[in-house]
Amino acid sequence: MAVSWIVTAIGVVVSLLGWVMTPSAWGYGILGFGLAWIVLGVLDLFREPARGR
């Protein structure tokens, strides 16, 4: 569960960096990459843990 929060936090930081750089194409790419990290981190929070492997 802690890993999900770390991934989400990294996504927020990367998204903010992309937001600052938005007028350029690199800024939009970095912003999208950060938003993808946020979405994946939140989805991982709802994932059922694999028990008994």
C-alpha atoms as a PDB file:
ATOM      1  CA  MET A   1       0.000   0.000   0.000  1.00  0.00           C
ATOM      2  CA  ALA A   2       2.889   2.362   0.707  1.00  0.00           C
ATOM      3  CA  VAL A   3       4.240   1.801  -2.796  1.00  0.00           C
ATOM      4  CA  SER A   4       0.955   3.030  -4.272  1.00  0.00           C
ATOM      5  CA  TRP A   5       1.219   6.284  -2.341  1.00  0.00           C
ATOM      6  CA  ILE A   6       4.850   6.726  -3.404  1.00  0.00           C
ATOM      7  CA  VAL A   7       3.943   6.208  -7.073  1.00  0.00           C
ATOM      8  CA  THR A   8       1.082   8.694  -6.749  1.00  0.00           C
ATOM      9  CA  ALA A   9       3.349  11.267  -5.060  1.00  0.00           C
ATOM     10  CA  ILE A  10       5.983  10.913  -7.785  1.00  0.00           C
ATOM     11  CA  GLY A  11       3.212  11.414 -10.338  1.00  0.00           C
ATOM     12  CA  VAL A  12       2.146  14.638  -8.635  1.00  0.00           C
ATOM     13  CA  VAL A  13       5.713  15.976  -8.652  1.00  0.00           C
ATOM     14  CA  VAL A  14       6.248  15.060 -12.310  1.00  0.00           C
ATOM     15  CA  SER A  15       2.876  16.539 -13.260  1.00  0.00           C
ATOM     16  CA  LEU A  16       3.735  19.808 -11.548  1.00  0.00           C
ATOM     17  CA  LEU A  17       7.038  19.900 -13.412  1.00  0.00           C
ATOM     18  CA  GLY A  18       5.194  19.336 -16.684  1.00  0.00           C
ATOM     19  CA  TRP A  19       2.629  22.012 -15.780  1.00  0.00           C
ATOM     20  CA  VAL A  20       5.432  24.553 -15.365  1.00  0.00           C
ATOM     21  CA  MET A  21       6.828  23.602 -18.790  1.00  0.00           C
ATOM     22  CA  THR A  22       3.415  23.494 -20.569  1.00  0.00           C
ATOM     23  CA  PRO A  23       3.907  25.896 -23.458  1.00  0.00           C
ATOM     24  CA  SER A  24       6.407  23.476 -25.006  1.00  0.00           C
ATOM     25  CA  ALA A  25       5.809  20.009 -26.406  1.00  0.00           C
ATOM     26  CA  TRP A  26       8.086  18.544 -23.726  1.00  0.00           C
ATOM     27  CA  GLY A  27       5.881  20.053 -21.039  1.00  0.00           C
ATOM     28  CA  TYR A  28       2.759  18.363 -22.365  1.00  0.00           C
ATOM     29  CA  GLY A  29       4.568  15.041 -22.597  1.00  0.00           C
ATOM     30  CA  ILE A  30       5.899  15.267 -19.054  1.00  0.00           C
ATOM     31  CA  LEU A  31       2.481  16.345 -17.768  1.00  0.00           C
ATOM     32  CA  GLY A  32       0.835  13.328 -19.411  1.00  0.00           C
ATOM     33  CA  PHE A  33       3.490  11.006 -18.042  1.00  0.00           C
ATOM     34  CA  GLY A  34       2.933  12.338 -14.526  1.00  0.00           C
ATOM     35  CA  LEU A  35      -0.848  12.007 -14.842  1.00  0.00           C
ATOM     36  CA  ALA A  36      -0.398   8.397 -15.942  1.00  0.00           C
ATOM     37  CA  TRP A  37       1.651   7.719 -12.790  1.00  0.00           C
ATOM     38  CA  ILE A  38      -1.108   9.248 -10.671  1.00  0.00           C
ATOM     39  CA  VAL A  39      -3.776   7.091 -12.323  1.00  0.00           C
ATOM     40  CA  LEU A  40      -1.699   3.920 -11.964  1.00  0.00           C
ATOM     41  CA  GLY A  41      -0.916   4.679  -8.313  1.00  0.00           C
ATOM     42  CA  VAL A  42      -4.588   5.214  -7.485  1.00  0.00           C
ATOM     43  CA  LEU A  43      -5.626   2.073  -9.365  1.00  0.00           C
ATOM     44  CA  ASP A  44      -3.009   0.107  -7.440  1.00  0.00           C
ATOM     45  CA  LEU A  45      -4.605   1.281  -4.181  1.00  0.00           C
ATOM     46  CA  PHE A  46      -7.809  -0.549  -5.119  1.00  0.00           C
ATOM     47  CA  ARG A  47      -6.076  -3.725  -6.278  1.00  0.00           C
ATOM     48  CA  GLU A  48      -6.623  -6.842  -4.194  1.00  0.00           C
ATOM     49  CA  PRO A  49      -3.329  -8.134  -2.717  1.00  0.00           C
ATOM     50  CA  ALA A  50      -2.155 -11.517  -3.933  1.00  0.00           C
ATOM     51  CA  ARG A  51      -2.255 -13.828  -0.913  1.00  0.00           C
ATOM     52  CA  GLY A  52      -0.880 -17.304  -0.679  1.00  0.00           C
ATOM     53  CA  ARG A  53       1.427 -17.253  -3.667  1.00  0.00           C
END
